């Protein structure tokens, strides 16, 4: 199982490097979006993380149709709204929030 995960990550990283290029600060924005996807969905569930990532992606695509510079801002606002309304995430349990 670990081998499959490593192979998938290697293939994804290679394809990403070929299409977008590689530079030193590449991981920072990706790490922020990954963190937001986990928190929006709720801790402790892969399906919740998938839901959070899907919501972030859909939000960015829809907002970028109107104004590209505001796509990242919209995802940050979604993150803040979810934290205010449901601090444990959309599919999280109150015990997971602390």
PDB file of N, CA and C in Angstrom:
ATOM      1  N   UNK A   1       0.821  -1.183   0.000  1.00  0.00           N
ATOM      2  CA  UNK A   1       0.000   0.000   0.000  1.00  0.00           C
ATOM      3  C   UNK A   1       0.872   1.256   0.000  1.00  0.00           C
ATOM      4  N   UNK A   2       1.925   1.247   0.784  1.00  0.00           N
ATOM      5  CA  UNK A   2       2.823   2.401   0.835  1.00  0.00           C
ATOM      6  C   UNK A   2       3.509   2.609  -0.505  1.00  0.00           C
ATOM      7  N   UNK A   3       3.875   1.510  -1.154  1.00  0.00           N
ATOM      8  CA  UNK A   3       4.520   1.603  -2.455  1.00  0.00           C
ATOM      9  C   UNK A   3       3.627   2.251  -3.493  1.00  0.00           C
ATOM     10  N   UNK A   4       2.335   1.934  -3.460  1.00  0.00           N
ATOM     11  CA  UNK A   4       1.385   2.536  -4.391  1.00  0.00           C
ATOM     12  C   UNK A   4       1.275   4.036  -4.126  1.00  0.00           C
ATOM     13  N   UNK A   5       1.233   4.423  -2.855  1.00  0.00           N
ATOM     14  CA  UNK A   5       1.154   5.838  -2.505  1.00  0.00           C
ATOM     15  C   UNK A   5       2.397   6.591  -2.947  1.00  0.00           C
ATOM     16  N   UNK A   6       3.558   5.990  -2.767  1.00  0.00           N
ATOM     17  CA  UNK A   6       4.810   6.638  -3.179  1.00  0.00           C
ATOM     18  C   UNK A   6       4.869   6.763  -4.694  1.00  0.00           C
ATOM     19  N   UNK A   7       4.445   5.724  -5.400  1.00  0.00           N
ATOM     20  CA  UNK A   7       4.440   5.778  -6.859  1.00  0.00           C
ATOM     21  C   UNK A   7       3.477   6.844  -7.377  1.00  0.00           C
ATOM     22  N   UNK A   8       2.305   6.947  -6.773  1.00  0.00           N
ATOM     23  CA  UNK A   8       1.327   7.956  -7.193  1.00  0.00           C
ATOM     24  C   UNK A   8       1.848   9.364  -6.921  1.00  0.00           C
ATOM     25  N   UNK A   9       2.478   9.572  -5.763  1.00  0.00           N
ATOM     26  CA  UNK A   9       3.027  10.887  -5.434  1.00  0.00           C
ATOM     27  C   UNK A   9       4.173  11.254  -6.365  1.00  0.00           C
ATOM     28  N   UNK A  10       4.993  10.268  -6.712  1.00  0.00           N
ATOM     29  CA  UNK A  10       6.103  10.515  -7.634  1.00  0.00           C
ATOM     30  C   UNK A  10       5.587  10.894  -9.013  1.00  0.00           C
ATOM     31  N   UNK A  11       4.590  10.167  -9.494  1.00  0.00           N
ATOM     32  CA  UNK A  11       4.027  10.471 -10.803  1.00  0.00           C
ATOM     33  C   UNK A  11       3.357  11.840 -10.807  1.00  0.00           C
ATOM     34  N   UNK A  12       2.619  12.172  -9.754  1.00  0.00           N
ATOM     35  CA  UNK A  12       1.960  13.476  -9.683  1.00  0.00           C
ATOM     36  C   UNK A  12       2.978  14.603  -9.626  1.00  0.00           C
ATOM     37  N   UNK A  13       4.018  14.436  -8.850  1.00  0.00           N
ATOM     38  CA  UNK A  13       5.062  15.458  -8.763  1.00  0.00           C
ATOM     39  C   UNK A  13       5.795  15.659 -10.069  1.00  0.00           C
ATOM     40  N   UNK A  14       6.076  14.567 -10.764  1.00  0.00           N
ATOM     41  CA  UNK A  14       6.765  14.654 -12.049  1.00  0.00           C
ATOM     42  C   UNK A  14       5.896  15.355 -13.083  1.00  0.00           C
ATOM     43  N   UNK A  15       4.636  14.979 -13.169  1.00  0.00           N
ATOM     44  CA  UNK A  15       3.740  15.631 -14.126  1.00  0.00           C
ATOM     45  C   UNK A  15       3.521  17.094 -13.792  1.00  0.00           C
ATOM     46  N   UNK A  16       3.446  17.415 -12.514  1.00  0.00           N
ATOM     47  CA  UNK A  16       3.298  18.815 -12.104  1.00  0.00           C
ATOM     48  C   UNK A  16       4.535  19.616 -12.468  1.00  0.00           C
ATOM     49  N   UNK A  17       5.711  19.058 -12.279  1.00  0.00           N
ATOM     50  CA  UNK A  17       6.959  19.760 -12.599  1.00  0.00           C
ATOM     51  C   UNK A  17       7.084  20.005 -14.092  1.00  0.00           C
ATOM     52  N   UNK A  18       6.634  19.055 -14.896  1.00  0.00           N
ATOM     53  CA  UNK A  18       6.726  19.204 -16.348  1.00  0.00           C
ATOM     54  C   UNK A  18       5.779  20.285 -16.852  1.00  0.00           C
ATOM     55  N   UNK A  19       4.585  20.357 -16.278  1.00  0.00           N
ATOM     56  CA  UNK A  19       3.589  21.300 -16.787  1.00  0.00           C
ATOM     57  C   UNK A  19       3.721  22.696 -16.202  1.00  0.00           C
ATOM     58  N   UNK A  20       4.162  22.833 -14.954  1.00  0.00           N
ATOM     59  CA  UNK A  20       4.180  24.159 -14.329  1.00  0.00           C
ATOM     60  C   UNK A  20       5.573  24.683 -14.039  1.00  0.00           C
ATOM     61  N   UNK A  21       6.555  23.836 -13.985  1.00  0.00           N
ATOM     62  CA  UNK A  21       7.898  24.274 -13.620  1.00  0.00           C
ATOM     63  C   UNK A  21       8.136  24.113 -12.133  1.00  0.00           C
ATOM     64  N   UNK A  22       9.389  24.227 -11.745  1.00  0.00           N
ATOM     65  CA  UNK A  22       9.768  24.051 -10.347  1.00  0.00           C
ATOM     66  C   UNK A  22      10.543  25.273  -9.893  1.00  0.00           C
ATOM     67  N   UNK A  23      10.177  25.804  -8.741  1.00  0.00           N
ATOM     68  CA  UNK A  23      10.879  26.929  -8.148  1.00  0.00           C
ATOM     69  C   UNK A  23      10.829  26.778  -6.630  1.00  0.00           C
ATOM     70  N   UNK A  24      11.698  27.477  -5.894  1.00  0.00           N
ATOM     71  CA  UNK A  24      11.864  27.217  -4.460  1.00  0.00           C
ATOM     72  C   UNK A  24      10.614  27.411  -3.607  1.00  0.00           C
ATOM     73  N   UNK A  25       9.740  28.317  -3.959  1.00  0.00           N
ATOM     74  CA  UNK A  25       8.570  28.586  -3.122  1.00  0.00           C
ATOM     75  C   UNK A  25       7.312  27.871  -3.617  1.00  0.00           C
ATOM     76  N   UNK A  26       7.486  26.856  -4.422  1.00  0.00           N
ATOM     77  CA  UNK A  26       6.353  26.150  -5.009  1.00  0.00           C
ATOM     78  C   UNK A  26       5.467  25.491  -3.955  1.00  0.00           C
ATOM     79  N   UNK A  27       6.063  24.920  -2.937  1.00  0.00           N
ATOM     80  CA  UNK A  27       5.300  24.145  -1.971  1.00  0.00           C
ATOM     81  C   UNK A  27       4.496  24.961  -0.975  1.00  0.00           C
ATOM     82  N   UNK A  28       4.823  26.220  -0.786  1.00  0.00           N
ATOM     83  CA  UNK A  28       4.158  27.005   0.250  1.00  0.00           C
ATOM     84  C   UNK A  28       2.671  27.180  -0.030  1.00  0.00           C
ATOM     85  N   UNK A  29       2.316  27.602  -1.225  1.00  0.00           N
ATOM     86  CA  UNK A  29       0.909  27.815  -1.548  1.00  0.00           C
ATOM     87  C   UNK A  29       0.154  26.487  -1.584  1.00  0.00           C
ATOM     88  N   UNK A  30       0.787  25.449  -2.097  1.00  0.00           N
ATOM     89  CA  UNK A  30       0.163  24.132  -2.126  1.00  0.00           C
ATOM     90  C   UNK A  30      -0.080  23.620  -0.711  1.00  0.00           C
ATOM     91  N   UNK A  31       0.866  23.854   0.187  1.00  0.00           N
ATOM     92  CA  UNK A  31       0.709  23.425   1.570  1.00  0.00           C
ATOM     93  C   UNK A  31      -0.442  24.169   2.248  1.00  0.00           C
ATOM     94  N   UNK A  32      -0.591  25.442   1.961  1.00  0.00           N
ATOM     95  CA  UNK A  32      -1.693  26.216   2.536  1.00  0.00           C
ATOM     96  C   UNK A  32      -3.031  25.669   2.060  1.00  0.00           C
ATOM     97  N   UNK A  33      -3.140  25.382   0.760  1.00  0.00           N
ATOM     98  CA  UNK A  33      -4.397  24.846   0.233  1.00  0.00           C
ATOM     99  C   UNK A  33      -4.686  23.457   0.792  1.00  0.00           C
ATOM    100  N   UNK A  34      -3.662  22.636   0.964  1.00  0.00           N
ATOM    101  CA  UNK A  34      -3.868  21.307   1.542  1.00  0.00           C
ATOM    102  C   UNK A  34      -4.344  21.412   2.985  1.00  0.00           C
ATOM    103  N   UNK A  35      -3.735  22.309   3.744  1.00  0.00           N
ATOM    104  CA  UNK A  35      -4.156  22.527   5.132  1.00  0.00           C
ATOM    105  C   UNK A  35      -5.606  22.996   5.181  1.00  0.00           C
ATOM    106  N   UNK A  36      -5.955  23.939   4.308  1.00  0.00           N
ATOM    107  CA  UNK A  36      -7.329  24.439   4.285  1.00  0.00           C
ATOM    108  C   UNK A  36      -8.321  23.353   3.908  1.00  0.00           C
ATOM    109  N   UNK A  37      -7.959  22.477   2.968  1.00  0.00           N
ATOM    110  CA  UNK A  37      -8.858  21.398   2.570  1.00  0.00           C
ATOM    111  C   UNK A  37      -9.138  20.462   3.737  1.00  0.00           C
ATOM    112  N   UNK A  38      -8.103  20.147   4.513  1.00  0.00           N
ATOM    113  CA  UNK A  38      -8.285  19.259   5.670  1.00  0.00           C
ATOM    114  C   UNK A  38      -9.159  19.931   6.723  1.00  0.00           C
ATOM    115  N   UNK A  39      -8.916  21.190   7.000  1.00  0.00           N
ATOM    116  CA  UNK A  39      -9.681  21.884   8.040  1.00  0.00           C
ATOM    117  C   UNK A  39     -11.122  22.123   7.604  1.00  0.00           C
ATOM    118  N   UNK A  40     -11.347  22.486   6.348  1.00  0.00           N
ATOM    119  CA  UNK A  40     -12.709  22.716   5.866  1.00  0.00           C
ATOM    120  C   UNK A  40     -13.524  21.430   5.941  1.00  0.00           C
ATOM    121  N   UNK A  41     -12.953  20.327   5.510  1.00  0.00           N
ATOM    122  CA  UNK A  41     -13.681  19.065   5.541  1.00  0.00           C
ATOM    123  C   UNK A  41     -13.888  18.541   6.944  1.00  0.00           C
ATOM    124  N   UNK A  42     -12.873  18.637   7.765  1.00  0.00           N
ATOM    125  CA  UNK A  42     -12.944  18.108   9.128  1.00  0.00           C
ATOM    126  C   UNK A  42     -11.836  17.101   9.344  1.00  0.00           C
ATOM    127  N   UNK A  43     -11.257  17.113  10.503  1.00  0.00           N
ATOM    128  CA  UNK A  43     -10.140  16.226  10.802  1.00  0.00           C
ATOM    129  C   UNK A  43     -10.616  14.788  10.981  1.00  0.00           C
ATOM    130  N   UNK A  44      -9.762  13.854  10.584  1.00  0.00           N
ATOM    131  CA  UNK A  44     -10.016  12.457  10.880  1.00  0.00           C
ATOM    132  C   UNK A  44     -10.705  11.655   9.797  1.00  0.00           C
ATOM    133  N   UNK A  45     -10.983  12.246   8.646  1.00  0.00           N
ATOM    134  CA  UNK A  45     -11.679  11.506   7.613  1.00  0.00           C
ATOM    135  C   UNK A  45     -11.122  11.873   6.239  1.00  0.00           C
ATOM    136  N   UNK A  46     -10.802  10.860   5.458  1.00  0.00           N
ATOM    137  CA  UNK A  46     -10.328  11.093   4.098  1.00  0.00           C
ATOM    138  C   UNK A  46     -11.431  11.694   3.236  1.00  0.00           C
ATOM    139  N   UNK A  47     -12.665  11.241   3.430  1.00  0.00           N
ATOM    140  CA  UNK A  47     -13.782  11.771   2.648  1.00  0.00           C
ATOM    141  C   UNK A  47     -14.031  13.235   2.971  1.00  0.00           C
ATOM    142  N   UNK A  48     -13.822  13.615   4.214  1.00  0.00           N
ATOM    143  CA  UNK A  48     -13.978  15.018   4.587  1.00  0.00           C
ATOM    144  C   UNK A  48     -12.921  15.873   3.907  1.00  0.00           C
ATOM    145  N   UNK A  49     -11.693  15.374   3.836  1.00  0.00           N
ATOM    146  CA  UNK A  49     -10.630  16.099   3.154  1.00  0.00           C
ATOM    147  C   UNK A  49     -10.935  16.213   1.665  1.00  0.00           C
ATOM    148  N   UNK A  50     -11.472  15.158   1.084  1.00  0.00           N
ATOM    149  CA  UNK A  50     -11.866  15.196  -0.320  1.00  0.00           C
ATOM    150  C   UNK A  50     -12.955  16.242  -0.541  1.00  0.00           C
ATOM    151  N   UNK A  51     -13.917  16.308   0.364  1.00  0.00           N
ATOM    152  CA  UNK A  51     -14.969  17.324   0.269  1.00  0.00           C
ATOM    153  C   UNK A  51     -14.379  18.724   0.393  1.00  0.00           C
ATOM    154  N   UNK A  52     -13.481  18.925   1.345  1.00  0.00           N
ATOM    155  CA  UNK A  52     -12.858  20.236   1.515  1.00  0.00           C
ATOM    156  C   UNK A  52     -12.056  20.653   0.298  1.00  0.00           C
ATOM    157  N   UNK A  53     -11.297  19.729  -0.280  1.00  0.00           N
ATOM    158  CA  UNK A  53     -10.521  20.040  -1.478  1.00  0.00           C
ATOM    159  C   UNK A  53     -11.410  20.343  -2.673  1.00  0.00           C
ATOM    160  N   UNK A  54     -12.505  19.604  -2.788  1.00  0.00           N
ATOM    161  CA  UNK A  54     -13.442  19.848  -3.882  1.00  0.00           C
ATOM    162  C   UNK A  54     -14.085  21.221  -3.742  1.00  0.00           C
ATOM    163  N   UNK A  55     -14.489  21.569  -2.531  1.00  0.00           N
ATOM    164  CA  UNK A  55     -15.080  22.895  -2.318  1.00  0.00           C
ATOM    165  C   UNK A  55     -14.092  24.019  -2.619  1.00  0.00           C
ATOM    166  N   UNK A  56     -12.840  23.837  -2.197  1.00  0.00           N
ATOM    167  CA  UNK A  56     -11.818  24.844  -2.509  1.00  0.00           C
ATOM    168  C   UNK A  56     -11.619  24.976  -4.014  1.00  0.00           C
ATOM    169  N   UNK A  57     -11.527  23.856  -4.697  1.00  0.00           N
ATOM    170  CA  UNK A  57     -11.314  23.876  -6.139  1.00  0.00           C
ATOM    171  C   UNK A  57     -12.465  24.512  -6.891  1.00  0.00           C
ATOM    172  N   UNK A  58     -13.675  24.129  -6.546  1.00  0.00           N
ATOM    173  CA  UNK A  58     -14.852  24.691  -7.207  1.00  0.00           C
ATOM    174  C   UNK A  58     -14.946  26.191  -6.942  1.00  0.00           C
ATOM    175  N   UNK A  59     -14.675  26.595  -5.707  1.00  0.00           N
ATOM    176  CA  UNK A  59     -14.703  28.018  -5.372  1.00  0.00           C
ATOM    177  C   UNK A  59     -13.689  28.789  -6.202  1.00  0.00           C
ATOM    178  N   UNK A  60     -12.476  28.285  -6.304  1.00  0.00           N
ATOM    179  CA  UNK A  60     -11.446  28.983  -7.067  1.00  0.00           C
ATOM    180  C   UNK A  60     -11.791  29.060  -8.550  1.00  0.00           C
ATOM    181  N   UNK A  61     -12.326  27.987  -9.097  1.00  0.00           N
ATOM    182  CA  UNK A  61     -12.670  27.992 -10.524  1.00  0.00           C
ATOM    183  C   UNK A  61     -13.814  28.954 -10.802  1.00  0.00           C
ATOM    184  N   UNK A  62     -14.842  28.932  -9.973  1.00  0.00           N
ATOM    185  CA  UNK A  62     -15.973  29.826 -10.195  1.00  0.00           C
ATOM    186  C   UNK A  62     -15.581  31.294 -10.054  1.00  0.00           C
ATOM    187  N   UNK A  63     -14.798  31.607  -9.046  1.00  0.00           N
ATOM    188  CA  UNK A  63     -14.386  33.001  -8.841  1.00  0.00           C
ATOM    189  C   UNK A  63     -13.404  33.437  -9.922  1.00  0.00           C
ATOM    190  N   UNK A  64     -12.556  32.535 -10.397  1.00  0.00           N
ATOM    191  CA  UNK A  64     -11.600  32.917 -11.438  1.00  0.00           C
ATOM    192  C   UNK A  64     -12.295  33.190 -12.767  1.00  0.00           C
ATOM    193  N   UNK A  65     -13.522  32.717 -12.942  1.00  0.00           N
ATOM    194  CA  UNK A  65     -14.282  33.063 -14.142  1.00  0.00           C
ATOM    195  C   UNK A  65     -14.660  34.537 -14.143  1.00  0.00           C
ATOM    196  N   UNK A  66     -14.784  35.111 -12.957  1.00  0.00           N
ATOM    197  CA  UNK A  66     -15.120  36.526 -12.826  1.00  0.00           C
ATOM    198  C   UNK A  66     -13.852  37.366 -12.751  1.00  0.00           C
ATOM    199  N   UNK A  67     -12.942  37.007 -11.848  1.00  0.00           N
ATOM    200  CA  UNK A  67     -11.713  37.771 -11.655  1.00  0.00           C
ATOM    201  C   UNK A  67     -10.630  36.832 -11.126  1.00  0.00           C
ATOM    202  N   UNK A  68      -9.593  36.627 -11.908  1.00  0.00           N
ATOM    203  CA  UNK A  68      -8.534  35.687 -11.542  1.00  0.00           C
ATOM    204  C   UNK A  68      -7.806  36.082 -10.256  1.00  0.00           C
ATOM    205  N   UNK A  69      -7.470  37.355 -10.041  1.00  0.00           N
ATOM    206  CA  UNK A  69      -6.744  37.692  -8.805  1.00  0.00           C
ATOM    207  C   UNK A  69      -7.526  37.401  -7.519  1.00  0.00           C
ATOM    208  N   UNK A  70      -8.838  37.314  -7.607  1.00  0.00           N
ATOM    209  CA  UNK A  70      -9.634  37.084  -6.411  1.00  0.00           C
ATOM    210  C   UNK A  70      -9.883  35.606  -6.120  1.00  0.00           C
ATOM    211  N   UNK A  71      -9.360  34.701  -6.936  1.00  0.00           N
ATOM    212  CA  UNK A  71      -9.611  33.267  -6.730  1.00  0.00           C
ATOM    213  C   UNK A  71      -9.007  32.783  -5.415  1.00  0.00           C
ATOM    214  N   UNK A  72      -7.777  33.180  -5.132  1.00  0.00           N
ATOM    215  CA  UNK A  72      -7.143  32.773  -3.876  1.00  0.00           C
ATOM    216  C   UNK A  72      -7.834  33.428  -2.689  1.00  0.00           C
ATOM    217  N   UNK A  73      -8.220  34.678  -2.844  1.00  0.00           N
ATOM    218  CA  UNK A  73      -8.940  35.372  -1.768  1.00  0.00           C
ATOM    219  C   UNK A  73     -10.253  34.665  -1.449  1.00  0.00           C
ATOM    220  N   UNK A  74     -10.943  34.207  -2.468  1.00  0.00           N
ATOM    221  CA  UNK A  74     -12.222  33.522  -2.245  1.00  0.00           C
ATOM    222  C   UNK A  74     -12.023  32.234  -1.459  1.00  0.00           C
ATOM    223  N   UNK A  75     -10.957  31.501  -1.756  1.00  0.00           N
ATOM    224  CA  UNK A  75     -10.716  30.272  -1.000  1.00  0.00           C
ATOM    225  C   UNK A  75     -10.357  30.576   0.449  1.00  0.00           C
ATOM    226  N   UNK A  76      -9.627  31.660   0.683  1.00  0.00           N
ATOM    227  CA  UNK A  76      -9.308  32.061   2.052  1.00  0.00           C
ATOM    228  C   UNK A  76     -10.577  32.475   2.808  1.00  0.00           C
ATOM    229  N   UNK A  77     -11.476  33.170   2.119  1.00  0.00           N
ATOM    230  CA  UNK A  77     -12.728  33.569   2.757  1.00  0.00           C
ATOM    231  C   UNK A  77     -13.608  32.355   3.062  1.00  0.00           C
ATOM    232  N   UNK A  78     -13.624  31.376   2.161  1.00  0.00           N
ATOM    233  CA  UNK A  78     -14.354  30.139   2.426  1.00  0.00           C
ATOM    234  C   UNK A  78     -13.812  29.465   3.678  1.00  0.00           C
ATOM    235  N   UNK A  79     -12.496  29.407   3.788  1.00  0.00           N
ATOM    236  CA  UNK A  79     -11.839  28.824   4.956  1.00  0.00           C
ATOM    237  C   UNK A  79     -12.279  29.544   6.237  1.00  0.00           C
ATOM    238  N   UNK A  80     -12.272  30.870   6.210  1.00  0.00           N
ATOM    239  CA  UNK A  80     -12.657  31.637   7.393  1.00  0.00           C
ATOM    240  C   UNK A  80     -14.134  31.455   7.739  1.00  0.00           C
ATOM    241  N   UNK A  81     -14.991  31.403   6.735  1.00  0.00           N
ATOM    242  CA  UNK A  81     -16.425  31.223   6.980  1.00  0.00           C
ATOM    243  C   UNK A  81     -16.686  29.859   7.618  1.00  0.00           C
ATOM    244  N   UNK A  82     -16.029  28.820   7.106  1.00  0.00           N
ATOM    245  CA  UNK A  82     -16.210  27.490   7.694  1.00  0.00           C
ATOM    246  C   UNK A  82     -15.700  27.466   9.133  1.00  0.00           C
ATOM    247  N   UNK A  83     -14.582  28.129   9.403  1.00  0.00           N
ATOM    248  CA  UNK A  83     -14.072  28.166  10.771  1.00  0.00           C
ATOM    249  C   UNK A  83     -15.020  28.895  11.720  1.00  0.00           C
ATOM    250  N   UNK A  84     -15.684  29.929  11.234  1.00  0.00           N
ATOM    251  CA  UNK A  84     -16.612  30.670  12.087  1.00  0.00           C
ATOM    252  C   UNK A  84     -17.892  29.871  12.312  1.00  0.00           C
ATOM    253  N   UNK A  85     -18.423  29.266  11.250  1.00  0.00           N
ATOM    254  CA  UNK A  85     -19.707  28.565  11.347  1.00  0.00           C
ATOM    255  C   UNK A  85     -19.556  27.193  12.004  1.00  0.00           C
ATOM    256  N   UNK A  86     -18.579  26.410  11.569  1.00  0.00           N
ATOM    257  CA  UNK A  86     -18.338  25.068  12.118  1.00  0.00           C
ATOM    258  C   UNK A  86     -16.852  24.879  12.346  1.00  0.00           C
ATOM    259  N   UNK A  87     -16.346  25.212  13.520  1.00  0.00           N
ATOM    260  CA  UNK A  87     -14.912  25.107  13.789  1.00  0.00           C
ATOM    261  C   UNK A  87     -14.365  23.684  13.640  1.00  0.00           C
ATOM    262  N   UNK A  88     -15.186  22.653  13.761  1.00  0.00           N
ATOM    263  CA  UNK A  88     -14.732  21.279  13.631  1.00  0.00           C
ATOM    264  C   UNK A  88     -14.693  20.832  12.169  1.00  0.00           C
ATOM    265  N   UNK A  89     -15.095  21.663  11.230  1.00  0.00           N
ATOM    266  CA  UNK A  89     -15.138  21.304   9.822  1.00  0.00           C
ATOM    267  C   UNK A  89     -16.521  20.836   9.422  1.00  0.00           C
ATOM    268  N   UNK A  90     -16.742  20.690   8.136  1.00  0.00           N
ATOM    269  CA  UNK A  90     -18.074  20.341   7.664  1.00  0.00           C
ATOM    270  C   UNK A  90     -18.512  18.935   8.068  1.00  0.00           C
ATOM    271  N   UNK A  91     -17.595  17.979   8.028  1.00  0.00           N
ATOM    272  CA  UNK A  91     -17.923  16.608   8.401  1.00  0.00           C
ATOM    273  C   UNK A  91     -17.266  16.170   9.698  1.00  0.00           C
ATOM    274  N   UNK A  92     -16.640  17.087  10.393  1.00  0.00           N
ATOM    275  CA  UNK A  92     -15.939  16.755  11.634  1.00  0.00           C
ATOM    276  C   UNK A  92     -16.885  16.654  12.818  1.00  0.00           C
ATOM    277  N   UNK A  93     -16.397  15.997  13.845  1.00  0.00           N
ATOM    278  CA  UNK A  93     -17.169  15.881  15.079  1.00  0.00           C
ATOM    279  C   UNK A  93     -16.657  16.930  16.062  1.00  0.00           C
ATOM    280  N   UNK A  94     -17.493  17.376  16.987  1.00  0.00           N
ATOM    281  CA  UNK A  94     -17.038  18.380  17.951  1.00  0.00           C
ATOM    282  C   UNK A  94     -15.842  17.938  18.779  1.00  0.00           C
ATOM    283  N   UNK A  95     -15.692  16.627  19.033  1.00  0.00           N
ATOM    284  CA  UNK A  95     -14.562  16.132  19.813  1.00  0.00           C
ATOM    285  C   UNK A  95     -13.241  16.332  19.076  1.00  0.00           C
ATOM    286  N   UNK A  96     -13.263  16.294  17.743  1.00  0.00           N
ATOM    287  CA  UNK A  96     -12.036  16.437  16.945  1.00  0.00           C
ATOM    288  C   UNK A  96     -11.533  17.870  16.970  1.00  0.00           C
ATOM    289  N   UNK A  97     -12.396  18.833  17.249  1.00  0.00           N
ATOM    290  CA  UNK A  97     -11.999  20.243  17.242  1.00  0.00           C
ATOM    291  C   UNK A  97     -11.179  20.600  18.473  1.00  0.00           C
ATOM    292  N   UNK A  98     -11.223  19.803  19.482  1.00  0.00           N
ATOM    293  CA  UNK A  98     -10.381  20.078  20.643  1.00  0.00           C
ATOM    294  C   UNK A  98     -11.200  20.288  21.837  1.00  0.00           C
TER     295      UNK A  98
END
